[in-house]
Amino acid sequence: MLQVQEVSERLRNRGFKVTPQRLAVYEALARTRSHPRAEMLYKELRPSYPTMSLATVYKSLSILCEIGLAQELSFGEDAFRYDADTSDHPHVRCVQCGRVDDVEAIDTKELTDEVAHSTGYHLTDHQLYFFGICPECRSKKHTLH
C-alpha cells in the first residue's frame, strides 16, 4: 500500500485534486484483499464520511484506475470489482458465494507472449479469470451430506 504522500503526488501529477474522499477510497481498497464493488467500499466509508456519495466512490475508483493505483475487474456480474494490487496476476471467483481471490503462483508472461505471437496482436492489456467453487463452499457442501 502506498503512503498518503505518494498517492497525493500521483493524483496531482496527473491533474487531479487530492481530496480526503479519494484518499479514503484508495486506503480502504488497498487494505482489503476481497476485491470489493464500489457499493461495498461506500458502505464501509459512509460512517467516517457521511456526506460522501456513491457517485464520489465511483469517480474516485475511476481516477485510481486511470492513474494506475487500482484495476477494474469484470467477472460478468452486475458490477465491477476493484483491486489495488495492479501487478500482473490472475483472479479466481467462486461461482457459489462470489468470493474473489488473487492467483499469485502463476506467471502469465509466457501465455501473453504466446497470445501476441499467435494472433499478431500488440497486446496493450490483459486480465485472466478462473471460475470454480472455493474451499469454504466445497466444505459446506460436504458437511450437508
C-alpha atoms as a PDB file:
ATOM      1  CA  MET A   1       0.000   0.000   0.000  1.00  0.00           C
ATOM      2  CA  LEU A   2       1.354   3.395  -0.953  1.00  0.00           C
ATOM      3  CA  GLN A   3       1.679   6.153   1.620  1.00  0.00           C
ATOM      4  CA  VAL A   4      -0.709   9.121   1.528  1.00  0.00           C
ATOM      5  CA  GLN A   5       2.069  11.369   0.189  1.00  0.00           C
ATOM      6  CA  GLU A   6       2.718   9.033  -2.763  1.00  0.00           C
ATOM      7  CA  VAL A   7      -0.976   8.771  -3.640  1.00  0.00           C
ATOM      8  CA  SER A   8      -1.351  12.550  -3.344  1.00  0.00           C
ATOM      9  CA  GLU A   9       1.646  13.106  -5.584  1.00  0.00           C
ATOM     10  CA  ARG A  10       0.311  10.740  -8.257  1.00  0.00           C
ATOM     11  CA  LEU A  11      -3.067  12.449  -8.214  1.00  0.00           C
ATOM     12  CA  ARG A  12      -1.520  15.916  -8.524  1.00  0.00           C
ATOM     13  CA  ASN A  13       0.928  14.839 -11.246  1.00  0.00           C
ATOM     14  CA  ARG A  14      -1.996  13.621 -13.353  1.00  0.00           C
ATOM     15  CA  GLY A  15      -4.010  16.797 -12.794  1.00  0.00           C
ATOM     16  CA  PHE A  16      -6.483  15.520 -10.192  1.00  0.00           C
ATOM     17  CA  LYS A  17      -7.379  17.194  -6.923  1.00  0.00           C
ATOM     18  CA  VAL A  18      -6.315  15.472  -3.748  1.00  0.00           C
ATOM     19  CA  THR A  19      -9.431  15.042  -1.624  1.00  0.00           C
ATOM     20  CA  PRO A  20      -9.937  13.215   1.678  1.00  0.00           C
ATOM     21  CA  GLN A  21     -12.558  11.051  -0.026  1.00  0.00           C
ATOM     22  CA  ARG A  22     -10.201   9.932  -2.816  1.00  0.00           C
ATOM     23  CA  LEU A  23      -7.507   9.106  -0.299  1.00  0.00           C
ATOM     24  CA  ALA A  24     -10.019   7.202   1.850  1.00  0.00           C
ATOM     25  CA  VAL A  25     -11.238   5.164  -1.130  1.00  0.00           C
ATOM     26  CA  TYR A  26      -7.652   4.230  -2.008  1.00  0.00           C
ATOM     27  CA  GLU A  27      -6.794   3.324   1.587  1.00  0.00           C
ATOM     28  CA  ALA A  28      -9.915   1.178   2.005  1.00  0.00           C
ATOM     29  CA  LEU A  29      -9.230  -0.608  -1.282  1.00  0.00           C
ATOM     30  CA  ALA A  30      -5.548  -1.133  -0.511  1.00  0.00           C
ATOM     31  CA  ARG A  31      -6.355  -2.579   2.946  1.00  0.00           C
ATOM     32  CA  THR A  32      -8.549  -5.374   1.628  1.00  0.00           C
ATOM     33  CA  ARG A  33      -7.935  -8.440  -0.481  1.00  0.00           C
ATOM     34  CA  SER A  34     -11.656  -9.058  -1.050  1.00  0.00           C
ATOM     35  CA  HIS A  35     -11.867  -7.251  -4.407  1.00  0.00           C
ATOM     36  CA  PRO A  36     -14.864  -5.133  -3.400  1.00  0.00           C
ATOM     37  CA  ARG A  37     -17.521  -3.490  -5.537  1.00  0.00           C
ATOM     38  CA  ALA A  38     -17.956   0.284  -5.265  1.00  0.00           C
ATOM     39  CA  GLU A  39     -21.068  -0.226  -3.127  1.00  0.00           C
ATOM     40  CA  MET A  40     -19.081  -2.264  -0.601  1.00  0.00           C
ATOM     41  CA  LEU A  41     -16.473   0.496  -0.268  1.00  0.00           C
ATOM     42  CA  TYR A  42     -19.239   3.087   0.027  1.00  0.00           C
ATOM     43  CA  LYS A  43     -20.875   1.188   2.916  1.00  0.00           C
ATOM     44  CA  GLU A  44     -17.512   0.826   4.667  1.00  0.00           C
ATOM     45  CA  LEU A  45     -16.606   4.504   4.304  1.00  0.00           C
ATOM     46  CA  ARG A  46     -20.023   6.051   4.924  1.00  0.00           C
ATOM     47  CA  PRO A  47     -19.746   6.144   8.760  1.00  0.00           C
ATOM     48  CA  SER A  48     -16.498   8.132   8.532  1.00  0.00           C
ATOM     49  CA  TYR A  49     -17.607  10.239   5.539  1.00  0.00           C
ATOM     50  CA  PRO A  50     -21.388  10.713   5.927  1.00  0.00           C
ATOM     51  CA  THR A  51     -21.587  13.287   3.121  1.00  0.00           C
ATOM     52  CA  MET A  52     -19.745  11.093   0.592  1.00  0.00           C
ATOM     53  CA  SER A  53     -21.983   9.837  -2.204  1.00  0.00           C
ATOM     54  CA  LEU A  54     -21.806   6.566  -4.086  1.00  0.00           C
ATOM     55  CA  ALA A  55     -21.023   8.660  -7.183  1.00  0.00           C
ATOM     56  CA  THR A  56     -17.933  10.016  -5.410  1.00  0.00           C
ATOM     57  CA  VAL A  57     -16.741   6.467  -4.724  1.00  0.00           C
ATOM     58  CA  TYR A  58     -17.270   5.517  -8.388  1.00  0.00           C
ATOM     59  CA  LYS A  59     -15.449   8.648  -9.594  1.00  0.00           C
ATOM     60  CA  SER A  60     -12.579   8.045  -7.160  1.00  0.00           C
ATOM     61  CA  LEU A  61     -12.241   4.435  -8.337  1.00  0.00           C
ATOM     62  CA  SER A  62     -12.257   5.565 -11.956  1.00  0.00           C
ATOM     63  CA  ILE A  63      -9.462   8.053 -11.245  1.00  0.00           C
ATOM     64  CA  LEU A  64      -7.455   5.497  -9.263  1.00  0.00           C
ATOM     65  CA  CYS A  65      -7.688   3.085 -12.206  1.00  0.00           C
ATOM     66  CA  GLU A  66      -6.708   5.825 -14.657  1.00  0.00           C
ATOM     67  CA  ILE A  67      -3.550   6.702 -12.723  1.00  0.00           C
ATOM     68  CA  GLY A  68      -2.545   3.071 -12.176  1.00  0.00           C
ATOM     69  CA  LEU A  69      -3.346   2.721  -8.471  1.00  0.00           C
ATOM     70  CA  ALA A  70      -6.203   0.253  -8.964  1.00  0.00           C
ATOM     71  CA  GLN A  71      -7.585  -2.096 -11.550  1.00  0.00           C
ATOM     72  CA  GLU A  72     -11.163  -2.771 -12.553  1.00  0.00           C
ATOM     73  CA  LEU A  73     -12.231  -6.420 -12.678  1.00  0.00           C
ATOM     74  CA  SER A  74     -15.196  -7.762 -14.632  1.00  0.00           C
ATOM     75  CA  PHE A  75     -16.450 -11.216 -13.710  1.00  0.00           C
ATOM     76  CA  GLY A  76     -19.710 -10.971 -15.646  1.00  0.00           C
ATOM     77  CA  GLU A  77     -21.527  -9.793 -12.536  1.00  0.00           C
ATOM     78  CA  ASP A  78     -23.820  -6.785 -12.351  1.00  0.00           C
ATOM     79  CA  ALA A  79     -20.972  -4.531 -11.141  1.00  0.00           C
ATOM     80  CA  PHE A  80     -17.212  -4.221 -11.453  1.00  0.00           C
ATOM     81  CA  ARG A  81     -14.886  -5.191  -8.660  1.00  0.00           C
ATOM     82  CA  TYR A  82     -11.676  -3.366  -7.818  1.00  0.00           C
ATOM     83  CA  ASP A  83      -8.159  -4.352  -6.796  1.00  0.00           C
ATOM     84  CA  ALA A  84      -5.391  -2.072  -5.518  1.00  0.00           C
ATOM     85  CA  ASP A  85      -2.833  -4.727  -6.481  1.00  0.00           C
ATOM     86  CA  THR A  86      -2.092  -3.664 -10.045  1.00  0.00           C
ATOM     87  CA  SER A  87       0.599  -6.294 -10.609  1.00  0.00           C
ATOM     88  CA  ASP A  88       0.065  -8.805 -13.404  1.00  0.00           C
ATOM     89  CA  HIS A  89      -1.846 -11.602 -11.691  1.00  0.00           C
ATOM     90  CA  PRO A  90      -4.921 -13.746 -12.445  1.00  0.00           C
ATOM     91  CA  HIS A  91      -8.019 -13.954 -10.275  1.00  0.00           C
ATOM     92  CA  VAL A  92     -10.348 -16.802  -9.332  1.00  0.00           C
ATOM     93  CA  ARG A  93     -14.043 -16.346  -8.478  1.00  0.00           C
ATOM     94  CA  CYS A  94     -16.310 -18.746  -6.602  1.00  0.00           C
ATOM     95  CA  VAL A  95     -19.445 -19.365  -8.648  1.00  0.00           C
ATOM     96  CA  GLN A  96     -21.438 -20.109  -5.481  1.00  0.00           C
ATOM     97  CA  CYS A  97     -20.603 -17.355  -2.967  1.00  0.00           C
ATOM     98  CA  GLY A  98     -18.942 -14.813  -5.283  1.00  0.00           C
ATOM     99  CA  ARG A  99     -15.645 -14.683  -3.379  1.00  0.00           C
ATOM    100  CA  VAL A 100     -12.693 -13.457  -5.464  1.00  0.00           C
ATOM    101  CA  ASP A 101      -9.074 -14.323  -4.741  1.00  0.00           C
ATOM    102  CA  ASP A 102      -5.738 -13.471  -6.294  1.00  0.00           C
ATOM    103  CA  VAL A 103      -3.812 -16.252  -8.019  1.00  0.00           C
ATOM    104  CA  GLU A 104      -0.237 -15.389  -7.215  1.00  0.00           C
ATOM    105  CA  ALA A 105       1.547 -18.609  -8.131  1.00  0.00           C
ATOM    106  CA  ILE A 106       1.046 -18.291 -11.893  1.00  0.00           C
ATOM    107  CA  ASP A 107       3.313 -16.287 -14.180  1.00  0.00           C
ATOM    108  CA  THR A 108       1.219 -15.181 -17.161  1.00  0.00           C
ATOM    109  CA  LYS A 109       4.111 -13.765 -19.233  1.00  0.00           C
ATOM    110  CA  GLU A 110       4.586 -16.925 -21.296  1.00  0.00           C
ATOM    111  CA  LEU A 111       0.849 -17.113 -22.023  1.00  0.00           C
ATOM    112  CA  THR A 112       0.577 -13.458 -23.054  1.00  0.00           C
ATOM    113  CA  ASP A 113       3.680 -13.775 -25.236  1.00  0.00           C
ATOM    114  CA  GLU A 114       2.115 -16.791 -26.965  1.00  0.00           C
ATOM    115  CA  VAL A 115      -1.184 -14.956 -27.492  1.00  0.00           C
ATOM    116  CA  ALA A 116       0.641 -11.985 -29.027  1.00  0.00           C
ATOM    117  CA  HIS A 117       2.769 -14.244 -31.231  1.00  0.00           C
ATOM    118  CA  SER A 118      -0.066 -16.466 -32.453  1.00  0.00           C
ATOM    119  CA  THR A 119      -2.512 -13.616 -33.153  1.00  0.00           C
ATOM    120  CA  GLY A 120      -0.146 -10.913 -34.354  1.00  0.00           C
ATOM    121  CA  TYR A 121      -1.698  -8.504 -31.861  1.00  0.00           C
ATOM    122  CA  HIS A 122       0.336  -5.963 -29.968  1.00  0.00           C
ATOM    123  CA  LEU A 123      -1.237  -6.596 -26.558  1.00  0.00           C
ATOM    124  CA  THR A 124      -1.923  -3.489 -24.523  1.00  0.00           C
ATOM    125  CA  ASP A 125      -3.535  -5.184 -21.527  1.00  0.00           C
ATOM    126  CA  HIS A 126      -4.984  -8.455 -20.350  1.00  0.00           C
ATOM    127  CA  GLN A 127      -6.877  -9.962 -17.452  1.00  0.00           C
ATOM    128  CA  LEU A 128      -7.145 -13.657 -16.717  1.00  0.00           C
ATOM    129  CA  TYR A 129     -10.038 -15.093 -14.709  1.00  0.00           C
ATOM    130  CA  PHE A 130     -10.727 -18.575 -13.405  1.00  0.00           C
ATOM    131  CA  PHE A 131     -14.054 -19.769 -12.005  1.00  0.00           C
ATOM    132  CA  GLY A 132     -14.801 -22.567  -9.577  1.00  0.00           C
ATOM    133  CA  ILE A 133     -16.040 -23.431  -6.112  1.00  0.00           C
ATOM    134  CA  CYS A 134     -13.988 -22.074  -3.203  1.00  0.00           C
ATOM    135  CA  PRO A 135     -12.752 -24.301  -0.362  1.00  0.00           C
ATOM    136  CA  GLU A 136     -15.374 -22.946   2.085  1.00  0.00           C
ATOM    137  CA  CYS A 137     -18.294 -23.656  -0.251  1.00  0.00           C
ATOM    138  CA  ARG A 138     -16.888 -27.115  -1.005  1.00  0.00           C
ATOM    139  CA  SER A 139     -16.551 -27.906   2.707  1.00  0.00           C
ATOM    140  CA  LYS A 140     -20.128 -26.673   3.375  1.00  0.00           C
ATOM    141  CA  LYS A 141     -21.395 -28.976   0.643  1.00  0.00           C
ATOM    142  CA  HIS A 142     -19.589 -31.953   2.190  1.00  0.00           C
ATOM    143  CA  THR A 143     -20.946 -31.231   5.676  1.00  0.00           C
ATOM    144  CA  LEU A 144     -24.528 -31.158   4.372  1.00  0.00           C
ATOM    145  CA  HIS A 145     -24.351 -34.774   3.184  1.00  0.00           C
END
